[in-house]
All heavy atoms as atom14 arrays in JSON, in Angstrom:
{
  "sequence": "WAQMQNFDLQRLVNRNPGIVEYVIINGKLAVNKGQVLDQLGKQT",
  "atom14_mask": [
    [1, 1, 1, 1, 1, 1, 1, 1, 1, 1, 1, 1, 1, 1],
    [1, 1, 1, 1, 1, 0, 0, 0, 0, 0, 0, 0, 0, 0],
    [1, 1, 1, 1, 1, 1, 1, 1, 1, 0, 0, 0, 0, 0],
    [1, 1, 1, 1, 1, 1, 1, 1, 0, 0, 0, 0, 0, 0],
    [1, 1, 1, 1, 1, 1, 1, 1, 1, 0, 0, 0, 0, 0],
    [1, 1, 1, 1, 1, 1, 1, 1, 0, 0, 0, 0, 0, 0],
    [1, 1, 1, 1, 1, 1, 1, 1, 1, 1, 1, 0, 0, 0],
    [1, 1, 1, 1, 1, 1, 1, 1, 0, 0, 0, 0, 0, 0],
    [1, 1, 1, 1, 1, 1, 1, 1, 0, 0, 0, 0, 0, 0],
    [1, 1, 1, 1, 1, 1, 1, 1, 1, 0, 0, 0, 0, 0],
    [1, 1, 1, 1, 1, 1, 1, 1, 1, 1, 1, 0, 0, 0],
    [1, 1, 1, 1, 1, 1, 1, 1, 0, 0, 0, 0, 0, 0],
    [1, 1, 1, 1, 1, 1, 1, 0, 0, 0, 0, 0, 0, 0],
    [1, 1, 1, 1, 1, 1, 1, 1, 0, 0, 0, 0, 0, 0],
    [1, 1, 1, 1, 1, 1, 1, 1, 1, 1, 1, 0, 0, 0],
    [1, 1, 1, 1, 1, 1, 1, 1, 0, 0, 0, 0, 0, 0],
    [1, 1, 1, 1, 1, 1, 1, 0, 0, 0, 0, 0, 0, 0],
    [1, 1, 1, 1, 0, 0, 0, 0, 0, 0, 0, 0, 0, 0],
    [1, 1, 1, 1, 1, 1, 1, 1, 0, 0, 0, 0, 0, 0],
    [1, 1, 1, 1, 1, 1, 1, 0, 0, 0, 0, 0, 0, 0],
    [1, 1, 1, 1, 1, 1, 1, 1, 1, 0, 0, 0, 0, 0],
    [1, 1, 1, 1, 1, 1, 1, 1, 1, 1, 1, 1, 0, 0],
    [1, 1, 1, 1, 1, 1, 1, 0, 0, 0, 0, 0, 0, 0],
    [1, 1, 1, 1, 1, 1, 1, 1, 0, 0, 0, 0, 0, 0],
    [1, 1, 1, 1, 1, 1, 1, 1, 0, 0, 0, 0, 0, 0],
    [1, 1, 1, 1, 1, 1, 1, 1, 0, 0, 0, 0, 0, 0],
    [1, 1, 1, 1, 0, 0, 0, 0, 0, 0, 0, 0, 0, 0],
    [1, 1, 1, 1, 1, 1, 1, 1, 1, 0, 0, 0, 0, 0],
    [1, 1, 1, 1, 1, 1, 1, 1, 0, 0, 0, 0, 0, 0],
    [1, 1, 1, 1, 1, 0, 0, 0, 0, 0, 0, 0, 0, 0],
    [1, 1, 1, 1, 1, 1, 1, 0, 0, 0, 0, 0, 0, 0],
    [1, 1, 1, 1, 1, 1, 1, 1, 0, 0, 0, 0, 0, 0],
    [1, 1, 1, 1, 1, 1, 1, 1, 1, 0, 0, 0, 0, 0],
    [1, 1, 1, 1, 0, 0, 0, 0, 0, 0, 0, 0, 0, 0],
    [1, 1, 1, 1, 1, 1, 1, 1, 1, 0, 0, 0, 0, 0],
    [1, 1, 1, 1, 1, 1, 1, 0, 0, 0, 0, 0, 0, 0],
    [1, 1, 1, 1, 1, 1, 1, 1, 0, 0, 0, 0, 0, 0],
    [1, 1, 1, 1, 1, 1, 1, 1, 0, 0, 0, 0, 0, 0],
    [1, 1, 1, 1, 1, 1, 1, 1, 1, 0, 0, 0, 0, 0],
    [1, 1, 1, 1, 1, 1, 1, 1, 0, 0, 0, 0, 0, 0],
    [1, 1, 1, 1, 0, 0, 0, 0, 0, 0, 0, 0, 0, 0],
    [1, 1, 1, 1, 1, 1, 1, 1, 1, 0, 0, 0, 0, 0],
    [1, 1, 1, 1, 1, 1, 1, 1, 1, 0, 0, 0, 0, 0],
    [1, 1, 1, 1, 1, 1, 1, 0, 0, 0, 0, 0, 0, 0]
  ],
  "atom14_positions": [
    [[-21.16, -8.32, -1.04], [-20.76, -9.13, 0.1], [-19.68, -10.1, -0.32], [-19.72, -10.67, -1.4], [-21.95, -9.92, 0.65], [-22.99, -9.08, 1.32], [-24.19, -8.69, 0.81], [-22.92, -8.51, 2.63], [-24.88, -7.93, 1.72], [-24.12, -7.8, 2.85], [-21.96, -8.53, 3.64], [-24.39, -7.12, 4.04], [-22.23, -7.85, 4.82], [-23.42, -7.16, 5.02]],
    [[-18.69, -10.3, 0.54], [-17.62, -11.27, 0.29], [-17.14, -11.83, 1.62], [-17.28, -11.2, 2.67], [-16.46, -10.64, -0.48], [0.0, 0.0, 0.0], [0.0, 0.0, 0.0], [0.0, 0.0, 0.0], [0.0, 0.0, 0.0], [0.0, 0.0, 0.0], [0.0, 0.0, 0.0], [0.0, 0.0, 0.0], [0.0, 0.0, 0.0], [0.0, 0.0, 0.0]],
    [[-16.54, -12.99, 1.56], [-16.02, -13.63, 2.76], [-14.82, -12.86, 3.3], [-13.93, -12.47, 2.54], [-15.6, -15.07, 2.44], [-15.22, -15.91, 3.66], [-16.43, -16.31, 4.5], [-17.56, -16.2, 4.05], [-16.18, -16.78, 5.71], [0.0, 0.0, 0.0], [0.0, 0.0, 0.0], [0.0, 0.0, 0.0], [0.0, 0.0, 0.0], [0.0, 0.0, 0.0]],
    [[-14.82, -12.63, 4.6], [-13.67, -12.03, 5.26], [-12.76, -13.18, 5.67], [-13.05, -13.92, 6.61], [-14.1, -11.22, 6.48], [-13.0, -10.41, 7.12], [-13.69, -9.31, 8.4], [-12.2, -8.48, 8.98], [0.0, 0.0, 0.0], [0.0, 0.0, 0.0], [0.0, 0.0, 0.0], [0.0, 0.0, 0.0], [0.0, 0.0, 0.0], [0.0, 0.0, 0.0]],
    [[-11.68, -13.32, 4.94], [-10.82, -14.5, 5.06], [-10.32, -14.71, 6.48], [-9.85, -13.8, 7.14], [-9.62, -14.34, 4.11], [-8.75, -15.57, 4.0], [-7.57, -15.33, 3.06], [-7.23, -14.2, 2.74], [-6.95, -16.41, 2.64], [0.0, 0.0, 0.0], [0.0, 0.0, 0.0], [0.0, 0.0, 0.0], [0.0, 0.0, 0.0], [0.0, 0.0, 0.0]],
    [[-10.5, -15.95, 6.97], [-10.05, -16.38, 8.3], [-10.8, -15.72, 9.45], [-10.36, -15.79, 10.6], [-8.54, -16.17, 8.46], [-7.74, -17.02, 7.5], [-8.07, -18.19, 7.26], [-6.7, -16.45, 6.91], [0.0, 0.0, 0.0], [0.0, 0.0, 0.0], [0.0, 0.0, 0.0], [0.0, 0.0, 0.0], [0.0, 0.0, 0.0], [0.0, 0.0, 0.0]],
    [[-11.94, -15.09, 9.16], [-12.79, -14.53, 10.2], [-14.16, -15.21, 10.22], [-14.96, -14.95, 11.13], [-13.0, -13.02, 10.0], [-11.87, -12.17, 10.51], [-10.67, -12.09, 9.83], [-12.0, -11.44, 11.69], [-9.62, -11.31, 10.29], [-10.97, -10.66, 12.16], [-9.77, -10.59, 11.47], [0.0, 0.0, 0.0], [0.0, 0.0, 0.0], [0.0, 0.0, 0.0]],
    [[-14.45, -16.04, 9.21], [-15.74, -16.72, 9.11], [-16.88, -15.7, 9.16], [-17.88, -15.88, 9.85], [-15.9, -17.76, 10.22], [-17.09, -18.69, 9.98], [-17.43, -18.89, 8.81], [-17.66, -19.2, 10.97], [0.0, 0.0, 0.0], [0.0, 0.0, 0.0], [0.0, 0.0, 0.0], [0.0, 0.0, 0.0], [0.0, 0.0, 0.0], [0.0, 0.0, 0.0]],
    [[-16.73, -14.62, 8.41], [-17.71, -13.55, 8.35], [-17.87, -13.07, 6.91], [-16.94, -13.16, 6.1], [-17.26, -12.35, 9.19], [-17.18, -12.5, 10.7], [-16.45, -11.3, 11.28], [-18.56, -12.62, 11.3], [0.0, 0.0, 0.0], [0.0, 0.0, 0.0], [0.0, 0.0, 0.0], [0.0, 0.0, 0.0], [0.0, 0.0, 0.0], [0.0, 0.0, 0.0]],
    [[-19.05, -12.53, 6.62], [-19.26, -11.8, 5.38], [-19.09, -10.31, 5.67], [-19.46, -9.83, 6.74], [-20.67, -12.06, 4.84], [-20.9, -13.48, 4.36], [-20.36, -13.7, 2.96], [-20.68, -12.96, 2.03], [-19.53, -14.73, 2.8], [0.0, 0.0, 0.0], [0.0, 0.0, 0.0], [0.0, 0.0, 0.0], [0.0, 0.0, 0.0], [0.0, 0.0, 0.0]],
    [[-18.51, -9.6, 4.71], [-18.37, -8.15, 4.88], [-18.67, -7.44, 3.57], [-18.6, -8.02, 2.48], [-16.97, -7.79, 5.36], [-15.87, -8.06, 4.35], [-14.58, -7.41, 4.81], [-13.41, -7.97, 4.14], [-12.17, -7.77, 4.57], [-11.93, -7.05, 5.64], [-11.16, -8.31, 3.92], [0.0, 0.0, 0.0], [0.0, 0.0, 0.0], [0.0, 0.0, 0.0]],
    [[-18.97, -6.16, 3.68], [-19.17, -5.33, 2.5], [-17.82, -5.03, 1.85], [-16.85, -4.68, 2.54], [-19.84, -4.01, 2.88], [-21.3, -4.07, 3.31], [-21.81, -2.67, 3.61], [-22.17, -4.73, 2.24], [0.0, 0.0, 0.0], [0.0, 0.0, 0.0], [0.0, 0.0, 0.0], [0.0, 0.0, 0.0], [0.0, 0.0, 0.0], [0.0, 0.0, 0.0]],
    [[-17.78, -5.15, 0.52], [-16.56, -4.86, -0.24], [-16.96, -4.16, -1.53], [-18.14, -3.94, -1.8], [-15.77, -6.16, -0.57], [-15.32, -6.86, 0.71], [-16.6, -7.09, -1.44], [0.0, 0.0, 0.0], [0.0, 0.0, 0.0], [0.0, 0.0, 0.0], [0.0, 0.0, 0.0], [0.0, 0.0, 0.0], [0.0, 0.0, 0.0], [0.0, 0.0, 0.0]],
    [[-15.96, -3.84, -2.33], [-16.18, -3.28, -3.66], [-15.63, -4.25, -4.7], [-14.57, -4.83, -4.51], [-15.48, -1.93, -3.82], [-15.86, -0.94, -2.73], [-15.03, -0.56, -1.92], [-17.11, -0.54, -2.69], [0.0, 0.0, 0.0], [0.0, 0.0, 0.0], [0.0, 0.0, 0.0], [0.0, 0.0, 0.0], [0.0, 0.0, 0.0], [0.0, 0.0, 0.0]],
    [[-16.37, -4.44, -5.76], [-15.94, -5.29, -6.87], [-16.1, -4.5, -8.16], [-17.23, -4.21, -8.57], [-16.76, -6.58, -6.93], [-16.46, -7.56, -5.81], [-15.08, -8.2, -6.02], [-14.83, -9.23, -5.01], [-14.2, -9.01, -3.87], [-13.8, -7.77, -3.59], [-13.97, -9.98, -3.01], [0.0, 0.0, 0.0], [0.0, 0.0, 0.0], [0.0, 0.0, 0.0]],
    [[-14.99, -4.16, -8.79], [-15.01, -3.33, -9.98], [-14.13, -3.93, -11.08], [-13.04, -3.44, -11.35], [-14.55, -1.9, -9.66], [-15.3, -1.3, -8.5], [-14.74, -0.98, -7.47], [-16.62, -1.16, -8.66], [0.0, 0.0, 0.0], [0.0, 0.0, 0.0], [0.0, 0.0, 0.0], [0.0, 0.0, 0.0], [0.0, 0.0, 0.0], [0.0, 0.0, 0.0]],
    [[-14.58, -5.02, -11.69], [-13.78, -5.66, -12.73], [-13.56, -4.73, -13.92], [-14.39, -3.88, -14.23], [-14.62, -6.88, -13.13], [-16.02, -6.53, -12.73], [-15.88, -5.68, -11.5], [0.0, 0.0, 0.0], [0.0, 0.0, 0.0], [0.0, 0.0, 0.0], [0.0, 0.0, 0.0], [0.0, 0.0, 0.0], [0.0, 0.0, 0.0], [0.0, 0.0, 0.0]],
    [[-12.4, -4.91, -14.55], [-12.13, -4.16, -15.76], [-11.46, -2.82, -15.54], [-11.29, -2.06, -16.5], [0.0, 0.0, 0.0], [0.0, 0.0, 0.0], [0.0, 0.0, 0.0], [0.0, 0.0, 0.0], [0.0, 0.0, 0.0], [0.0, 0.0, 0.0], [0.0, 0.0, 0.0], [0.0, 0.0, 0.0], [0.0, 0.0, 0.0], [0.0, 0.0, 0.0]],
    [[-11.05, -2.51, -14.32], [-10.33, -1.24, -14.09], [-8.86, -1.54, -13.78], [-7.98, -1.24, -14.59], [-10.96, -0.43, -12.93], [-12.44, -0.15, -13.19], [-10.2, 0.89, -12.76], [-13.12, 0.62, -12.08], [0.0, 0.0, 0.0], [0.0, 0.0, 0.0], [0.0, 0.0, 0.0], [0.0, 0.0, 0.0], [0.0, 0.0, 0.0], [0.0, 0.0, 0.0]],
    [[-8.59, -2.14, -12.63], [-7.22, -2.45, -12.25], [-6.84, -3.79, -12.87], [-7.36, -4.84, -12.47], [-7.06, -2.48, -10.72], [-5.65, -2.91, -10.34], [-7.37, -1.11, -10.13], [0.0, 0.0, 0.0], [0.0, 0.0, 0.0], [0.0, 0.0, 0.0], [0.0, 0.0, 0.0], [0.0, 0.0, 0.0], [0.0, 0.0, 0.0], [0.0, 0.0, 0.0]],
    [[-5.95, -3.75, -13.84], [-5.57, -4.97, -14.55], [-4.34, -5.64, -13.96], [-4.25, -6.86, -13.91], [-5.35, -4.65, -16.03], [-6.62, -4.17, -16.73], [-6.44, -3.96, -18.22], [-5.26, -3.89, -18.67], [-7.45, -3.88, -18.94], [0.0, 0.0, 0.0], [0.0, 0.0, 0.0], [0.0, 0.0, 0.0], [0.0, 0.0, 0.0], [0.0, 0.0, 0.0]],
    [[-3.38, -4.82, -13.53], [-2.15, -5.35, -12.95], [-1.76, -4.53, -11.73], [-1.91, -3.3, -11.72], [-0.99, -5.3, -13.96], [-1.21, -6.12, -15.21], [-1.81, -5.56, -16.33], [-0.8, -7.45, -15.27], [-2.02, -6.3, -17.47], [-1.0, -8.2, -16.42], [-1.62, -7.62, -17.52], [-1.81, -8.37, -18.65], [0.0, 0.0, 0.0], [0.0, 0.0, 0.0]],
    [[-1.3, -5.22, -10.71], [-0.69, -4.56, -9.55], [0.65, -5.23, -9.3], [0.73, -6.47, -9.2], [-1.58, -4.67, -8.29], [-0.89, -4.01, -7.09], [-2.95, -4.04, -8.53], [0.0, 0.0, 0.0], [0.0, 0.0, 0.0], [0.0, 0.0, 0.0], [0.0, 0.0, 0.0], [0.0, 0.0, 0.0], [0.0, 0.0, 0.0], [0.0, 0.0, 0.0]],
    [[1.68, -4.42, -9.19], [3.03, -4.91, -8.92], [3.48, -4.31, -7.6], [3.43, -3.09, -7.41], [3.99, -4.51, -10.06], [3.54, -5.16, -11.38], [5.43, -4.9, -9.73], [4.21, -4.57, -12.61], [0.0, 0.0, 0.0], [0.0, 0.0, 0.0], [0.0, 0.0, 0.0], [0.0, 0.0, 0.0], [0.0, 0.0, 0.0], [0.0, 0.0, 0.0]],
    [[3.9, -5.16, -6.67], [4.37, -4.71, -5.37], [5.79, -5.19, -5.17], [6.06, -6.4, -5.25], [3.47, -5.23, -4.23], [2.0, -4.8, -4.45], [3.96, -4.72, -2.87], [1.03, -5.38, -3.45], [0.0, 0.0, 0.0], [0.0, 0.0, 0.0], [0.0, 0.0, 0.0], [0.0, 0.0, 0.0], [0.0, 0.0, 0.0], [0.0, 0.0, 0.0]],
    [[6.7, -4.25, -4.95], [8.12, -4.59, -4.78], [8.63, -5.42, -5.97], [9.42, -6.34, -5.81], [8.34, -5.35, -3.47], [9.81, -5.47, -3.1], [10.62, -4.61, -3.44], [10.15, -6.54, -2.41], [0.0, 0.0, 0.0], [0.0, 0.0, 0.0], [0.0, 0.0, 0.0], [0.0, 0.0, 0.0], [0.0, 0.0, 0.0], [0.0, 0.0, 0.0]],
    [[8.14, -5.07, -7.16], [8.6, -5.74, -8.37], [7.95, -7.08, -8.64], [8.26, -7.74, -9.65], [0.0, 0.0, 0.0], [0.0, 0.0, 0.0], [0.0, 0.0, 0.0], [0.0, 0.0, 0.0], [0.0, 0.0, 0.0], [0.0, 0.0, 0.0], [0.0, 0.0, 0.0], [0.0, 0.0, 0.0], [0.0, 0.0, 0.0], [0.0, 0.0, 0.0]],
    [[7.02, -7.52, -7.77], [6.37, -8.82, -7.94], [4.91, -8.63, -8.32], [4.2, -7.8, -7.74], [6.45, -9.65, -6.65], [7.86, -10.03, -6.23], [7.87, -10.93, -5.0], [7.23, -12.28, -5.3], [7.37, -13.23, -4.15], [0.0, 0.0, 0.0], [0.0, 0.0, 0.0], [0.0, 0.0, 0.0], [0.0, 0.0, 0.0], [0.0, 0.0, 0.0]],
    [[4.45, -9.42, -9.27], [3.09, -9.32, -9.75], [2.13, -9.84, -8.67], [2.2, -11.01, -8.27], [2.94, -10.12, -11.04], [1.8, -9.73, -11.98], [1.96, -8.28, -12.43], [1.79, -10.68, -13.18], [0.0, 0.0, 0.0], [0.0, 0.0, 0.0], [0.0, 0.0, 0.0], [0.0, 0.0, 0.0], [0.0, 0.0, 0.0], [0.0, 0.0, 0.0]],
    [[1.23, -8.97, -8.23], [0.24, -9.34, -7.21], [-1.16, -9.52, -7.8], [-1.94, -10.33, -7.31], [0.19, -8.26, -6.12], [0.0, 0.0, 0.0], [0.0, 0.0, 0.0], [0.0, 0.0, 0.0], [0.0, 0.0, 0.0], [0.0, 0.0, 0.0], [0.0, 0.0, 0.0], [0.0, 0.0, 0.0], [0.0, 0.0, 0.0], [0.0, 0.0, 0.0]],
    [[-1.46, -8.73, -8.82], [-2.72, -8.85, -9.56], [-2.37, -8.98, -11.03], [-1.63, -8.15, -11.58], [-3.64, -7.63, -9.34], [-4.88, -7.7, -10.22], [-4.04, -7.52, -7.87], [0.0, 0.0, 0.0], [0.0, 0.0, 0.0], [0.0, 0.0, 0.0], [0.0, 0.0, 0.0], [0.0, 0.0, 0.0], [0.0, 0.0, 0.0], [0.0, 0.0, 0.0]],
    [[-2.88, -10.03, -11.66], [-2.57, -10.31, -13.06], [-3.87, -10.43, -13.84], [-4.71, -11.27, -13.54], [-1.78, -11.62, -13.16], [-1.33, -11.93, -14.57], [-1.2, -11.04, -15.4], [-1.12, -13.21, -14.86], [0.0, 0.0, 0.0], [0.0, 0.0, 0.0], [0.0, 0.0, 0.0], [0.0, 0.0, 0.0], [0.0, 0.0, 0.0], [0.0, 0.0, 0.0]],
    [[-4.03, -9.53, -14.81], [-5.24, -9.5, -15.64], [-6.5, -9.43, -14.77], [-7.5, -10.09, -15.03], [-5.28, -10.71, -16.57], [-4.11, -10.74, -17.56], [-4.17, -11.96, -18.47], [-2.98, -11.96, -19.42], [-2.97, -13.17, -20.3], [0.0, 0.0, 0.0], [0.0, 0.0, 0.0], [0.0, 0.0, 0.0], [0.0, 0.0, 0.0], [0.0, 0.0, 0.0]],
    [[-6.42, -8.62, -13.72], [-7.57, -8.36, -12.86], [-7.78, -9.37, -11.76], [-8.69, -9.19, -10.94], [0.0, 0.0, 0.0], [0.0, 0.0, 0.0], [0.0, 0.0, 0.0], [0.0, 0.0, 0.0], [0.0, 0.0, 0.0], [0.0, 0.0, 0.0], [0.0, 0.0, 0.0], [0.0, 0.0, 0.0], [0.0, 0.0, 0.0], [0.0, 0.0, 0.0]],
    [[-6.95, -10.41, -11.68], [-7.13, -11.46, -10.68], [-6.02, -11.39, -9.63], [-4.83, -11.33, -9.98], [-7.12, -12.83, -11.35], [-8.23, -13.03, -12.36], [-9.61, -12.9, -11.74], [-9.91, -13.5, -10.71], [-10.47, -12.11, -12.39], [0.0, 0.0, 0.0], [0.0, 0.0, 0.0], [0.0, 0.0, 0.0], [0.0, 0.0, 0.0], [0.0, 0.0, 0.0]],
    [[-6.42, -11.41, -8.35], [-5.45, -11.46, -7.27], [-4.78, -12.83, -7.3], [-5.45, -13.87, -7.33], [-6.12, -11.24, -5.9], [-5.1, -11.38, -4.77], [-6.78, -9.86, -5.85], [0.0, 0.0, 0.0], [0.0, 0.0, 0.0], [0.0, 0.0, 0.0], [0.0, 0.0, 0.0], [0.0, 0.0, 0.0], [0.0, 0.0, 0.0], [0.0, 0.0, 0.0]],
    [[-3.45, -12.86, -7.31], [-2.73, -14.12, -7.41], [-2.74, -14.88, -6.09], [-2.71, -14.28, -5.01], [-1.29, -13.86, -7.86], [-1.14, -13.23, -9.26], [0.32, -13.12, -9.65], [-1.9, -14.04, -10.32], [0.0, 0.0, 0.0], [0.0, 0.0, 0.0], [0.0, 0.0, 0.0], [0.0, 0.0, 0.0], [0.0, 0.0, 0.0], [0.0, 0.0, 0.0]],
    [[-2.75, -16.2, -6.18], [-2.86, -17.05, -4.99], [-1.71, -16.85, -4.02], [-1.88, -16.99, -2.81], [-2.92, -18.52, -5.41], [-4.26, -18.88, -6.05], [-5.22, -18.12, -5.85], [-4.31, -19.91, -6.75], [0.0, 0.0, 0.0], [0.0, 0.0, 0.0], [0.0, 0.0, 0.0], [0.0, 0.0, 0.0], [0.0, 0.0, 0.0], [0.0, 0.0, 0.0]],
    [[-0.53, -16.54, -4.54], [0.63, -16.45, -3.66], [0.63, -15.19, -2.79], [1.39, -15.1, -1.83], [1.94, -16.53, -4.45], [2.1, -15.51, -5.57], [1.7, -16.08, -6.93], [0.69, -16.79, -7.02], [2.48, -15.78, -7.95], [0.0, 0.0, 0.0], [0.0, 0.0, 0.0], [0.0, 0.0, 0.0], [0.0, 0.0, 0.0], [0.0, 0.0, 0.0]],
    [[-0.24, -14.23, -3.11], [-0.31, -13.02, -2.3], [-0.81, -13.39, -0.9], [-1.85, -14.03, -0.74], [-1.25, -11.99, -2.93], [-1.18, -10.59, -2.32], [0.11, -9.9, -2.72], [-2.38, -9.74, -2.75], [0.0, 0.0, 0.0], [0.0, 0.0, 0.0], [0.0, 0.0, 0.0], [0.0, 0.0, 0.0], [0.0, 0.0, 0.0], [0.0, 0.0, 0.0]],
    [[-0.09, -12.99, 0.1], [-0.44, -13.32, 1.47], [0.09, -14.66, 1.93], [-0.07, -15.03, 3.1], [0.0, 0.0, 0.0], [0.0, 0.0, 0.0], [0.0, 0.0, 0.0], [0.0, 0.0, 0.0], [0.0, 0.0, 0.0], [0.0, 0.0, 0.0], [0.0, 0.0, 0.0], [0.0, 0.0, 0.0], [0.0, 0.0, 0.0], [0.0, 0.0, 0.0]],
    [[0.75, -15.38, 1.03], [1.32, -16.69, 1.37], [2.83, -16.7, 1.22], [3.52, -17.45, 1.91], [0.71, -17.79, 0.49], [-0.79, -17.94, 0.66], [-1.37, -18.95, -0.32], [-2.88, -19.06, -0.18], [-3.47, -19.98, -1.19], [0.0, 0.0, 0.0], [0.0, 0.0, 0.0], [0.0, 0.0, 0.0], [0.0, 0.0, 0.0], [0.0, 0.0, 0.0]],
    [[3.32, -15.88, 0.31], [4.76, -15.8, 0.07], [5.27, -14.43, 0.49], [4.59, -13.41, 0.3], [5.09, -16.02, -1.4], [4.72, -17.39, -1.93], [5.04, -17.53, -3.41], [5.61, -16.62, -4.03], [4.68, -18.66, -3.99], [0.0, 0.0, 0.0], [0.0, 0.0, 0.0], [0.0, 0.0, 0.0], [0.0, 0.0, 0.0], [0.0, 0.0, 0.0]],
    [[6.46, -14.38, 1.06], [7.09, -13.1, 1.36], [7.67, -12.51, 0.08], [7.77, -13.17, -0.94], [8.2, -13.28, 2.4], [9.16, -14.23, 1.91], [7.64, -13.76, 3.72], [0.0, 0.0, 0.0], [0.0, 0.0, 0.0], [0.0, 0.0, 0.0], [0.0, 0.0, 0.0], [0.0, 0.0, 0.0], [0.0, 0.0, 0.0], [0.0, 0.0, 0.0]]
  ]
}
């Protein structure tokens, strides 16, 4: 269970630490060492 951001609801999700370490979107780091970066969804 995790918070559904800006919906004030809990929802079912998947949490699998230790698999996806980095995600790069359009050349910008979105996930760093397994953590979603704060600027994702806030910066264009």
